[in-house]
């Protein structure tokens, strides 16, 4: 056998041994595409907004997000009208709809729309979020990056599918656009928010 053939077969054996060694290592976490990564970062920020809406519903509108989640329109508070100005927050208007509530800033036009599937506002509607990105006048740096990466805001739904496939998000069977962030992501939101704060 010639020298170069011996070297070739020795390299093949080393590669096979390395493959066998890698097979015994723990599996690595899935790696996200840049599109899905920036969506994940932006959703951590949106989660904070949605939880704020749940807080406004409870503390300013005398509502119960869990009642909205379970009873839909029948869970809306009876003490106030279906829409109006948020008591104690004159710059914000509210509108109850079905199982949700939207808050719209009267000056900037920023609108945060949440359908409740729990008491905290943890669940997202992908189409609501796309609409938020289309209409927002002032986006955060991660949201700007997310939009730069996507040829159309509606293609963000493909990145959402990737987040579900890689288990960074969990969906429900009844509606593919509805999802929440995985527990591991929620447990690390402080790190993501610190990253965003340092960037801005």
N, C-alpha and C. Protein backbone atom coordinates (compact mmCIF):
# COMPACT_ATOMS: atom_id res chain seq x y z
N UNK A 1 0.85 -1.17 0.00
CA UNK A 1 0.00 0.00 0.00
C UNK A 1 0.89 1.23 0.00
N UNK A 2 0.56 2.18 -0.83
CA UNK A 2 1.38 3.38 -0.93
C UNK A 2 1.16 4.29 0.27
N UNK A 3 2.11 5.19 0.47
CA UNK A 3 2.10 6.08 1.64
C UNK A 3 0.83 6.93 1.70
N UNK A 4 0.39 7.51 0.57
CA UNK A 4 -0.79 8.39 0.60
C UNK A 4 -2.06 7.60 0.89
N UNK A 5 -2.10 6.30 0.46
CA UNK A 5 -3.26 5.48 0.78
C UNK A 5 -3.30 5.16 2.27
N UNK A 6 -2.14 4.88 2.86
CA UNK A 6 -2.08 4.62 4.30
C UNK A 6 -2.56 5.85 5.07
N UNK A 7 -2.10 7.03 4.65
CA UNK A 7 -2.50 8.27 5.32
C UNK A 7 -4.01 8.48 5.20
N UNK A 8 -4.55 8.16 4.01
CA UNK A 8 -6.00 8.32 3.80
C UNK A 8 -6.78 7.42 4.75
N UNK A 9 -6.40 6.12 4.81
CA UNK A 9 -7.14 5.19 5.67
C UNK A 9 -6.96 5.49 7.14
N UNK A 10 -5.82 6.02 7.51
CA UNK A 10 -5.61 6.43 8.90
C UNK A 10 -6.54 7.60 9.24
N UNK A 11 -6.70 8.52 8.30
CA UNK A 11 -7.61 9.66 8.52
C UNK A 11 -9.05 9.19 8.63
N UNK A 12 -9.45 8.21 7.81
CA UNK A 12 -10.81 7.67 7.87
C UNK A 12 -11.05 7.03 9.24
N UNK A 13 -10.07 6.26 9.73
CA UNK A 13 -10.21 5.62 11.05
C UNK A 13 -10.32 6.66 12.16
N UNK A 14 -9.53 7.75 12.07
CA UNK A 14 -9.60 8.80 13.08
C UNK A 14 -10.97 9.49 13.05
N UNK A 15 -11.48 9.71 11.85
CA UNK A 15 -12.80 10.35 11.72
C UNK A 15 -13.89 9.46 12.30
N UNK A 16 -13.80 8.14 12.04
CA UNK A 16 -14.79 7.20 12.59
C UNK A 16 -14.71 7.17 14.11
N UNK A 17 -13.50 7.19 14.65
CA UNK A 17 -13.34 7.19 16.11
C UNK A 17 -13.91 8.47 16.72
N UNK A 18 -13.68 9.60 16.05
CA UNK A 18 -14.21 10.88 16.54
C UNK A 18 -15.73 10.88 16.49
N UNK A 19 -16.30 10.30 15.43
CA UNK A 19 -17.76 10.20 15.31
C UNK A 19 -18.33 9.37 16.45
N UNK A 20 -17.68 8.24 16.74
CA UNK A 20 -18.14 7.38 17.84
C UNK A 20 -18.05 8.11 19.17
N UNK A 21 -17.00 8.89 19.34
CA UNK A 21 -16.83 9.65 20.59
C UNK A 21 -17.91 10.72 20.71
N UNK A 22 -18.22 11.41 19.60
CA UNK A 22 -19.27 12.44 19.62
C UNK A 22 -20.63 11.85 19.93
N UNK A 23 -20.86 10.62 19.51
CA UNK A 23 -22.16 9.98 19.74
C UNK A 23 -22.44 9.80 21.23
N UNK A 24 -21.40 9.73 22.04
CA UNK A 24 -21.59 9.55 23.48
C UNK A 24 -21.75 10.88 24.21
N UNK A 25 -21.49 12.00 23.55
CA UNK A 25 -21.64 13.31 24.19
C UNK A 25 -23.11 13.69 24.28
N UNK A 26 -23.48 14.52 25.27
CA UNK A 26 -24.87 14.97 25.33
C UNK A 26 -25.22 15.81 24.10
N UNK A 27 -26.47 15.74 23.70
CA UNK A 27 -26.92 16.50 22.52
C UNK A 27 -26.89 17.99 22.83
N UNK A 28 -26.49 18.77 21.85
CA UNK A 28 -26.46 20.22 22.01
C UNK A 28 -27.86 20.79 21.85
N UNK A 29 -28.07 21.95 22.43
CA UNK A 29 -29.35 22.64 22.25
C UNK A 29 -29.49 23.02 20.79
N UNK A 30 -30.72 23.12 20.31
CA UNK A 30 -30.90 23.52 18.91
C UNK A 30 -30.38 24.94 18.69
N UNK A 31 -29.83 25.16 17.54
CA UNK A 31 -29.33 26.49 17.19
C UNK A 31 -30.41 27.17 16.35
N UNK A 32 -30.75 28.38 16.73
CA UNK A 32 -31.78 29.13 16.01
C UNK A 32 -31.17 29.88 14.83
N UNK A 33 -31.96 30.02 13.80
CA UNK A 33 -31.57 30.89 12.69
C UNK A 33 -31.58 32.33 13.20
N UNK A 34 -30.92 33.25 12.50
CA UNK A 34 -30.97 34.65 12.93
C UNK A 34 -32.40 35.19 12.98
N UNK A 35 -33.25 34.75 12.07
CA UNK A 35 -34.64 35.21 12.03
C UNK A 35 -35.38 34.81 13.30
N UNK A 36 -35.24 33.55 13.68
CA UNK A 36 -35.93 33.06 14.88
C UNK A 36 -35.30 33.64 16.14
N UNK A 37 -33.98 33.81 16.15
CA UNK A 37 -33.31 34.38 17.32
C UNK A 37 -33.84 35.77 17.62
N UNK A 38 -33.89 36.63 16.60
CA UNK A 38 -34.35 38.00 16.84
C UNK A 38 -35.84 38.04 17.16
N UNK A 39 -36.61 37.11 16.63
CA UNK A 39 -38.02 37.03 17.03
C UNK A 39 -38.10 36.68 18.51
N UNK A 40 -37.30 35.73 18.95
CA UNK A 40 -37.32 35.33 20.36
C UNK A 40 -36.97 36.51 21.27
N UNK A 41 -35.94 37.26 20.92
CA UNK A 41 -35.55 38.42 21.72
C UNK A 41 -36.68 39.46 21.73
N UNK A 42 -37.27 39.72 20.57
CA UNK A 42 -38.36 40.70 20.49
C UNK A 42 -39.59 40.24 21.27
N UNK A 43 -39.85 38.94 21.28
CA UNK A 43 -41.01 38.43 22.01
C UNK A 43 -40.83 38.55 23.52
N UNK A 44 -39.61 38.47 24.00
CA UNK A 44 -39.38 38.70 25.43
C UNK A 44 -39.83 40.12 25.79
N UNK A 45 -39.54 41.07 24.91
CA UNK A 45 -40.00 42.45 25.14
C UNK A 45 -41.51 42.55 25.03
N UNK A 46 -42.10 41.87 24.06
CA UNK A 46 -43.56 41.89 23.90
C UNK A 46 -44.24 41.24 25.09
N UNK A 47 -43.64 40.23 25.65
CA UNK A 47 -44.20 39.57 26.84
C UNK A 47 -44.36 40.58 27.97
N UNK A 48 -43.36 41.42 28.16
CA UNK A 48 -43.44 42.46 29.20
C UNK A 48 -44.63 43.38 28.93
N UNK A 49 -44.85 43.77 27.68
CA UNK A 49 -45.99 44.63 27.33
C UNK A 49 -47.31 43.92 27.63
N UNK A 50 -47.39 42.66 27.23
CA UNK A 50 -48.64 41.91 27.43
C UNK A 50 -48.96 41.73 28.91
N UNK A 51 -47.94 41.48 29.70
CA UNK A 51 -48.16 41.35 31.14
C UNK A 51 -48.61 42.69 31.73
N UNK A 52 -48.12 43.79 31.16
CA UNK A 52 -48.56 45.12 31.58
C UNK A 52 -50.04 45.31 31.24
N UNK A 53 -50.47 44.87 30.06
CA UNK A 53 -51.89 44.95 29.69
C UNK A 53 -52.73 44.17 30.70
N UNK A 54 -52.29 42.97 31.07
CA UNK A 54 -53.02 42.18 32.07
C UNK A 54 -53.12 42.94 33.39
N UNK A 55 -52.05 43.62 33.77
CA UNK A 55 -52.05 44.41 35.00
C UNK A 55 -53.04 45.58 34.89
N UNK A 56 -53.08 46.25 33.75
CA UNK A 56 -54.02 47.36 33.54
C UNK A 56 -55.46 46.84 33.60
N UNK A 57 -55.72 45.69 32.99
CA UNK A 57 -57.07 45.11 33.03
C UNK A 57 -57.48 44.86 34.48
N UNK A 58 -56.59 44.30 35.27
CA UNK A 58 -56.90 44.00 36.68
C UNK A 58 -57.05 45.25 37.53
N UNK A 59 -56.07 46.16 37.44
CA UNK A 59 -55.97 47.26 38.39
C UNK A 59 -56.64 48.56 37.97
N UNK A 60 -56.91 48.74 36.68
CA UNK A 60 -57.54 49.98 36.22
C UNK A 60 -58.93 49.75 35.61
N UNK A 61 -59.16 48.56 35.08
CA UNK A 61 -60.42 48.30 34.38
C UNK A 61 -61.32 47.33 35.15
N UNK A 62 -60.92 46.96 36.37
CA UNK A 62 -61.70 46.06 37.23
C UNK A 62 -62.03 44.74 36.54
N UNK A 63 -61.15 44.32 35.65
CA UNK A 63 -61.37 43.09 34.92
C UNK A 63 -60.55 41.94 35.48
N UNK A 64 -60.83 40.78 34.96
CA UNK A 64 -60.14 39.56 35.38
C UNK A 64 -59.66 38.83 34.12
N UNK A 65 -58.35 38.88 33.82
CA UNK A 65 -57.86 38.21 32.62
C UNK A 65 -58.23 36.73 32.55
N UNK A 66 -58.27 36.06 33.70
CA UNK A 66 -58.63 34.64 33.69
C UNK A 66 -60.10 34.45 33.30
N UNK A 67 -60.97 35.36 33.74
CA UNK A 67 -62.38 35.29 33.34
C UNK A 67 -62.52 35.51 31.83
N UNK A 68 -61.73 36.43 31.28
CA UNK A 68 -61.73 36.64 29.83
C UNK A 68 -61.25 35.38 29.12
N UNK A 69 -60.23 34.73 29.70
CA UNK A 69 -59.67 33.52 29.09
C UNK A 69 -60.69 32.40 29.05
N UNK A 70 -61.47 32.24 30.11
CA UNK A 70 -62.40 31.11 30.18
C UNK A 70 -63.77 31.41 29.59
N UNK A 71 -64.25 32.65 29.74
CA UNK A 71 -65.62 32.96 29.32
C UNK A 71 -65.69 33.89 28.12
N UNK A 72 -64.56 34.36 27.62
CA UNK A 72 -64.57 35.26 26.48
C UNK A 72 -65.31 36.55 26.80
N UNK A 73 -66.17 37.00 25.89
CA UNK A 73 -66.91 38.26 26.07
C UNK A 73 -67.74 38.25 27.34
N UNK A 74 -68.21 37.08 27.77
CA UNK A 74 -68.99 37.00 29.00
C UNK A 74 -68.14 37.27 30.24
N UNK A 75 -66.83 37.23 30.10
CA UNK A 75 -65.93 37.50 31.21
C UNK A 75 -65.51 38.95 31.32
N UNK A 76 -66.03 39.80 30.41
CA UNK A 76 -65.67 41.21 30.47
C UNK A 76 -66.32 41.87 31.68
N UNK A 77 -65.63 42.86 32.29
CA UNK A 77 -66.19 43.50 33.48
C UNK A 77 -67.50 44.23 33.16
N UNK A 78 -68.47 44.10 34.05
CA UNK A 78 -69.77 44.74 33.84
C UNK A 78 -69.78 46.18 34.32
N UNK A 79 -68.84 46.56 35.18
CA UNK A 79 -68.84 47.88 35.81
C UNK A 79 -68.45 49.01 34.85
N UNK A 80 -67.80 48.69 33.74
CA UNK A 80 -67.36 49.72 32.80
C UNK A 80 -67.80 49.35 31.40
N UNK A 81 -67.77 50.34 30.50
CA UNK A 81 -68.19 50.08 29.12
C UNK A 81 -67.15 49.23 28.40
N UNK A 82 -67.52 48.75 27.22
CA UNK A 82 -66.64 47.88 26.45
C UNK A 82 -65.40 48.61 25.96
N UNK A 83 -65.50 49.92 25.79
CA UNK A 83 -64.34 50.69 25.37
C UNK A 83 -64.41 52.08 25.97
N UNK A 84 -63.24 52.71 26.09
CA UNK A 84 -63.18 54.05 26.66
C UNK A 84 -61.76 54.41 27.03
N UNK A 85 -61.62 55.43 27.87
CA UNK A 85 -60.32 55.88 28.34
C UNK A 85 -60.01 55.14 29.64
N UNK A 86 -58.79 54.66 29.77
CA UNK A 86 -58.39 53.89 30.96
C UNK A 86 -58.42 54.82 32.17
N UNK A 87 -59.20 54.49 33.21
CA UNK A 87 -59.23 55.32 34.42
C UNK A 87 -57.83 55.45 35.03
N UNK A 88 -57.44 56.69 35.31
CA UNK A 88 -56.13 56.95 35.89
C UNK A 88 -55.00 56.98 34.88
N UNK A 89 -55.30 56.70 33.62
CA UNK A 89 -54.28 56.70 32.56
C UNK A 89 -54.88 57.38 31.32
N UNK A 90 -55.08 58.70 31.36
CA UNK A 90 -55.82 59.39 30.29
C UNK A 90 -55.16 59.31 28.91
N UNK A 91 -53.91 58.92 28.85
CA UNK A 91 -53.24 58.81 27.54
C UNK A 91 -53.53 57.48 26.84
N UNK A 92 -54.22 56.57 27.52
CA UNK A 92 -54.50 55.25 26.96
C UNK A 92 -55.99 55.00 26.83
N UNK A 93 -56.39 54.44 25.69
CA UNK A 93 -57.76 53.97 25.48
C UNK A 93 -57.76 52.45 25.56
N UNK A 94 -58.87 51.88 26.00
CA UNK A 94 -59.00 50.43 26.05
C UNK A 94 -60.18 50.01 25.19
N UNK A 95 -60.15 48.76 24.77
CA UNK A 95 -61.29 48.15 24.06
C UNK A 95 -61.26 46.66 24.35
N UNK A 96 -62.34 46.19 24.99
CA UNK A 96 -62.49 44.76 25.21
C UNK A 96 -63.06 44.12 23.95
N UNK A 97 -62.60 42.93 23.62
CA UNK A 97 -63.11 42.19 22.46
C UNK A 97 -62.96 40.71 22.76
N UNK A 98 -64.03 39.98 22.64
CA UNK A 98 -63.97 38.54 22.87
C UNK A 98 -63.23 38.20 24.15
N UNK A 99 -62.16 37.46 24.02
CA UNK A 99 -61.37 37.06 25.18
C UNK A 99 -60.20 38.00 25.44
N UNK A 100 -60.21 39.16 24.81
CA UNK A 100 -59.04 40.03 24.92
C UNK A 100 -59.35 41.47 25.21
N UNK A 101 -58.26 42.23 25.24
CA UNK A 101 -58.32 43.67 25.47
C UNK A 101 -57.17 44.31 24.70
N UNK A 102 -57.45 45.43 24.07
CA UNK A 102 -56.37 46.18 23.43
C UNK A 102 -56.26 47.54 24.10
N UNK A 103 -55.04 47.99 24.27
CA UNK A 103 -54.76 49.32 24.79
C UNK A 103 -54.07 50.11 23.68
N UNK A 104 -54.54 51.32 23.44
CA UNK A 104 -53.98 52.16 22.39
C UNK A 104 -53.60 53.51 22.98
N UNK A 105 -52.36 53.92 22.75
CA UNK A 105 -51.89 55.21 23.22
C UNK A 105 -52.51 56.29 22.35
N UNK A 106 -53.14 57.26 22.98
CA UNK A 106 -53.92 58.27 22.24
C UNK A 106 -53.04 59.25 21.47
N UNK A 107 -51.77 59.36 21.81
CA UNK A 107 -50.89 60.30 21.11
C UNK A 107 -50.04 59.58 20.07
N UNK A 108 -49.38 58.50 20.49
CA UNK A 108 -48.46 57.82 19.57
C UNK A 108 -49.16 56.81 18.66
N UNK A 109 -50.34 56.35 19.07
CA UNK A 109 -51.04 55.33 18.29
C UNK A 109 -50.57 53.92 18.57
N UNK A 110 -49.57 53.75 19.46
CA UNK A 110 -49.11 52.40 19.81
C UNK A 110 -50.29 51.60 20.34
N UNK A 111 -50.46 50.40 19.82
CA UNK A 111 -51.58 49.55 20.24
C UNK A 111 -51.06 48.17 20.61
N UNK A 112 -51.41 47.74 21.83
CA UNK A 112 -51.01 46.43 22.32
C UNK A 112 -52.28 45.62 22.51
N UNK A 113 -52.42 44.56 21.76
CA UNK A 113 -53.64 43.76 21.74
C UNK A 113 -53.33 42.37 22.28
N UNK A 114 -54.09 41.96 23.29
CA UNK A 114 -53.83 40.67 23.94
C UNK A 114 -55.11 39.86 24.00
N UNK A 115 -55.07 38.63 23.52
CA UNK A 115 -56.11 37.64 23.79
C UNK A 115 -55.62 36.85 24.99
N UNK A 116 -56.48 36.72 26.00
CA UNK A 116 -56.06 36.04 27.23
C UNK A 116 -56.37 34.55 27.17
N UNK A 117 -55.35 33.75 27.46
CA UNK A 117 -55.49 32.30 27.60
C UNK A 117 -55.10 31.88 29.01
N UNK A 118 -54.72 32.85 29.83
CA UNK A 118 -54.38 32.63 31.24
C UNK A 118 -54.57 33.96 31.96
N UNK A 119 -54.19 34.02 33.21
CA UNK A 119 -54.40 35.23 34.00
C UNK A 119 -53.28 36.25 33.86
N UNK A 120 -52.19 35.90 33.20
CA UNK A 120 -51.02 36.78 33.16
C UNK A 120 -50.72 37.41 31.79
N UNK A 121 -51.35 36.97 30.74
CA UNK A 121 -51.02 37.50 29.42
C UNK A 121 -49.78 36.87 28.81
N UNK A 122 -49.52 35.62 29.17
CA UNK A 122 -48.32 34.92 28.69
C UNK A 122 -48.44 34.43 27.24
N UNK A 123 -49.66 34.28 26.74
CA UNK A 123 -49.87 33.72 25.40
C UNK A 123 -49.88 34.83 24.37
N UNK A 124 -49.28 34.55 23.24
CA UNK A 124 -49.20 35.50 22.13
C UNK A 124 -50.10 35.03 20.99
N UNK A 125 -50.59 35.98 20.24
CA UNK A 125 -51.21 35.69 18.95
C UNK A 125 -50.24 36.23 17.91
N UNK A 126 -49.70 35.36 17.08
CA UNK A 126 -48.70 35.78 16.10
C UNK A 126 -49.19 36.88 15.18
N UNK A 127 -50.46 36.82 14.79
CA UNK A 127 -51.00 37.84 13.89
C UNK A 127 -51.14 39.18 14.61
N UNK A 128 -51.53 39.17 15.89
CA UNK A 128 -51.59 40.41 16.68
C UNK A 128 -50.19 41.03 16.74
N UNK A 129 -49.18 40.19 16.94
CA UNK A 129 -47.83 40.72 17.06
C UNK A 129 -47.35 41.29 15.72
N UNK A 130 -47.66 40.62 14.63
CA UNK A 130 -47.29 41.16 13.31
C UNK A 130 -47.97 42.51 13.09
N UNK A 131 -49.24 42.62 13.48
CA UNK A 131 -49.96 43.89 13.33
C UNK A 131 -49.30 44.98 14.20
N UNK A 132 -48.88 44.60 15.41
CA UNK A 132 -48.18 45.55 16.27
C UNK A 132 -46.93 46.08 15.57
N UNK A 133 -46.14 45.19 14.99
CA UNK A 133 -44.91 45.60 14.31
C UNK A 133 -45.20 46.50 13.11
N UNK A 134 -46.28 46.22 12.39
CA UNK A 134 -46.63 47.03 11.22
C UNK A 134 -47.01 48.45 11.62
N UNK A 135 -47.70 48.60 12.75
CA UNK A 135 -48.26 49.90 13.12
C UNK A 135 -47.38 50.71 14.06
N UNK A 136 -46.47 50.07 14.77
CA UNK A 136 -45.67 50.78 15.77
C UNK A 136 -44.80 51.83 15.11
N UNK A 137 -44.80 53.02 15.69
CA UNK A 137 -43.97 54.10 15.16
C UNK A 137 -42.55 54.04 15.69
N UNK A 138 -42.40 53.52 16.90
CA UNK A 138 -41.07 53.46 17.51
C UNK A 138 -40.82 52.02 17.97
N UNK A 139 -39.95 51.34 17.25
CA UNK A 139 -39.62 49.96 17.58
C UNK A 139 -38.33 49.90 18.38
N UNK A 140 -38.19 48.84 19.17
CA UNK A 140 -36.95 48.62 19.90
C UNK A 140 -35.89 48.12 18.91
N UNK A 141 -34.60 48.22 19.25
CA UNK A 141 -33.56 47.71 18.34
C UNK A 141 -33.77 46.24 17.93
N UNK A 142 -34.14 45.31 18.84
CA UNK A 142 -34.38 43.94 18.38
C UNK A 142 -35.55 43.85 17.39
N UNK A 143 -36.59 44.65 17.59
CA UNK A 143 -37.72 44.63 16.64
C UNK A 143 -37.30 45.20 15.30
N UNK A 144 -36.48 46.24 15.32
CA UNK A 144 -35.97 46.79 14.06
C UNK A 144 -35.14 45.75 13.31
N UNK A 145 -34.30 45.04 14.05
CA UNK A 145 -33.47 44.00 13.42
C UNK A 145 -34.34 42.88 12.85
N UNK A 146 -35.37 42.50 13.59
CA UNK A 146 -36.30 41.47 13.13
C UNK A 146 -36.93 41.88 11.81
N UNK A 147 -37.36 43.11 11.70
CA UNK A 147 -38.00 43.59 10.47
C UNK A 147 -36.99 43.68 9.33
N UNK A 148 -35.77 44.09 9.63
CA UNK A 148 -34.73 44.14 8.60
C UNK A 148 -34.47 42.77 7.98
N UNK A 149 -34.57 41.72 8.79
CA UNK A 149 -34.28 40.36 8.31
C UNK A 149 -35.41 39.76 7.49
N UNK A 150 -36.62 40.22 7.68
CA UNK A 150 -37.77 39.62 7.00
C UNK A 150 -38.20 40.47 5.80
N UNK A 151 -38.41 39.84 4.65
CA UNK A 151 -38.84 40.59 3.48
C UNK A 151 -40.24 41.18 3.65
N UNK A 152 -41.03 40.57 4.51
CA UNK A 152 -42.39 41.03 4.81
C UNK A 152 -42.64 40.69 6.27
N UNK A 153 -43.37 41.53 6.96
CA UNK A 153 -43.65 41.25 8.37
C UNK A 153 -44.40 39.94 8.52
N UNK A 154 -45.25 39.61 7.56
CA UNK A 154 -46.02 38.37 7.66
C UNK A 154 -45.13 37.12 7.64
N UNK A 155 -43.92 37.23 7.07
CA UNK A 155 -43.03 36.06 7.06
C UNK A 155 -42.48 35.75 8.45
N UNK A 156 -42.73 36.63 9.40
CA UNK A 156 -42.33 36.36 10.79
C UNK A 156 -43.00 35.08 11.28
N UNK A 157 -44.15 34.74 10.71
CA UNK A 157 -44.84 33.52 11.12
C UNK A 157 -43.98 32.27 10.83
N UNK A 158 -43.11 32.32 9.82
CA UNK A 158 -42.20 31.20 9.57
C UNK A 158 -41.18 31.07 10.71
N UNK A 159 -40.71 32.20 11.21
CA UNK A 159 -39.79 32.16 12.35
C UNK A 159 -40.49 31.65 13.59
N UNK A 160 -41.76 31.97 13.73
CA UNK A 160 -42.54 31.44 14.85
C UNK A 160 -42.61 29.92 14.76
N UNK A 161 -42.82 29.39 13.56
CA UNK A 161 -42.85 27.94 13.39
C UNK A 161 -41.52 27.32 13.81
N UNK A 162 -40.42 28.00 13.50
CA UNK A 162 -39.10 27.49 13.92
C UNK A 162 -38.98 27.49 15.44
N UNK A 163 -39.48 28.54 16.10
CA UNK A 163 -39.42 28.58 17.57
C UNK A 163 -40.19 27.41 18.17
N UNK A 164 -41.30 27.05 17.55
CA UNK A 164 -42.07 25.90 18.06
C UNK A 164 -41.34 24.59 17.79
N UNK A 165 -40.78 24.44 16.59
CA UNK A 165 -40.06 23.20 16.25
C UNK A 165 -38.86 22.97 17.16
N UNK A 166 -38.20 24.04 17.55
CA UNK A 166 -37.02 23.92 18.40
C UNK A 166 -37.37 24.01 19.89
N UNK A 167 -38.65 24.09 20.18
CA UNK A 167 -39.20 24.09 21.55
C UNK A 167 -38.80 25.31 22.38
N UNK A 168 -38.55 26.41 21.69
CA UNK A 168 -38.38 27.68 22.40
C UNK A 168 -39.75 28.31 22.65
N UNK A 169 -40.78 27.78 21.99
CA UNK A 169 -42.16 28.23 22.19
C UNK A 169 -43.08 27.02 22.12
N UNK A 170 -44.25 27.16 22.73
CA UNK A 170 -45.24 26.09 22.77
C UNK A 170 -46.54 26.64 22.21
N UNK A 171 -47.21 25.86 21.38
CA UNK A 171 -48.47 26.31 20.81
C UNK A 171 -49.66 25.55 21.35
N UNK A 172 -50.83 25.88 20.81
CA UNK A 172 -52.05 25.14 21.14
C UNK A 172 -52.60 24.56 19.84
N UNK A 173 -53.32 23.46 19.93
CA UNK A 173 -53.81 22.78 18.74
C UNK A 173 -54.89 23.57 18.02
N UNK A 174 -55.72 24.29 18.77
CA UNK A 174 -56.87 24.97 18.17
C UNK A 174 -56.48 26.12 17.24
N UNK A 175 -55.31 26.72 17.47
CA UNK A 175 -54.92 27.89 16.68
C UNK A 175 -53.40 27.91 16.58
N UNK A 176 -52.87 27.69 15.38
CA UNK A 176 -51.42 27.61 15.20
C UNK A 176 -50.72 28.94 15.44
N UNK A 177 -51.46 30.06 15.39
CA UNK A 177 -50.84 31.37 15.60
C UNK A 177 -50.70 31.71 17.07
N UNK A 178 -51.31 30.93 17.96
CA UNK A 178 -51.28 31.22 19.40
C UNK A 178 -50.18 30.37 20.05
N UNK A 179 -49.36 31.01 20.87
CA UNK A 179 -48.22 30.32 21.47
C UNK A 179 -47.76 31.08 22.70
N UNK A 180 -46.91 30.45 23.48
CA UNK A 180 -46.23 31.13 24.59
C UNK A 180 -44.77 30.70 24.58
N UNK A 181 -43.95 31.49 25.24
CA UNK A 181 -42.53 31.16 25.32
C UNK A 181 -42.33 29.98 26.25
N UNK A 182 -41.34 29.15 25.95
CA UNK A 182 -41.04 27.97 26.77
C UNK A 182 -40.57 28.42 28.16
N UNK A 183 -40.76 27.54 29.13
CA UNK A 183 -40.39 27.86 30.52
C UNK A 183 -38.92 28.24 30.65
N UNK A 184 -38.04 27.56 29.90
CA UNK A 184 -36.61 27.89 29.96
C UNK A 184 -36.34 29.31 29.47
N UNK A 185 -37.09 29.74 28.47
CA UNK A 185 -36.93 31.11 27.96
C UNK A 185 -37.41 32.10 29.02
N UNK A 186 -38.59 31.83 29.58
CA UNK A 186 -39.15 32.72 30.60
C UNK A 186 -38.20 32.82 31.80
N UNK A 187 -37.58 31.71 32.16
CA UNK A 187 -36.66 31.71 33.30
C UNK A 187 -35.43 32.59 33.05
N UNK A 188 -35.14 32.87 31.78
CA UNK A 188 -33.96 33.67 31.44
C UNK A 188 -34.30 35.03 30.85
N UNK A 189 -35.53 35.50 31.06
CA UNK A 189 -35.92 36.79 30.49
C UNK A 189 -35.07 37.93 31.03
N UNK A 190 -34.63 37.85 32.27
CA UNK A 190 -33.81 38.94 32.83
C UNK A 190 -32.51 39.10 32.03
N UNK A 191 -31.93 37.99 31.59
CA UNK A 191 -30.71 38.07 30.78
C UNK A 191 -30.99 38.72 29.43
N UNK A 192 -32.10 38.33 28.81
CA UNK A 192 -32.45 38.90 27.51
C UNK A 192 -32.74 40.39 27.66
N UNK A 193 -33.48 40.76 28.70
CA UNK A 193 -33.79 42.18 28.91
C UNK A 193 -32.53 42.98 29.20
N UNK A 194 -31.59 42.42 29.94
CA UNK A 194 -30.32 43.11 30.20
C UNK A 194 -29.55 43.32 28.89
N UNK A 195 -29.57 42.31 28.02
CA UNK A 195 -28.94 42.43 26.70
C UNK A 195 -29.58 43.57 25.91
N UNK A 196 -30.92 43.62 25.92
CA UNK A 196 -31.64 44.66 25.18
C UNK A 196 -31.36 46.04 25.76
N UNK A 197 -31.34 46.14 27.09
CA UNK A 197 -31.07 47.43 27.73
C UNK A 197 -29.66 47.92 27.42
N UNK A 198 -28.70 47.01 27.41
CA UNK A 198 -27.32 47.39 27.11
C UNK A 198 -27.17 47.83 25.65
N UNK A 199 -27.99 47.26 24.79
CA UNK A 199 -27.91 47.58 23.36
C UNK A 199 -28.51 48.94 23.06
N UNK A 200 -29.62 49.28 23.76
CA UNK A 200 -30.31 50.53 23.41
C UNK A 200 -29.68 51.76 24.01
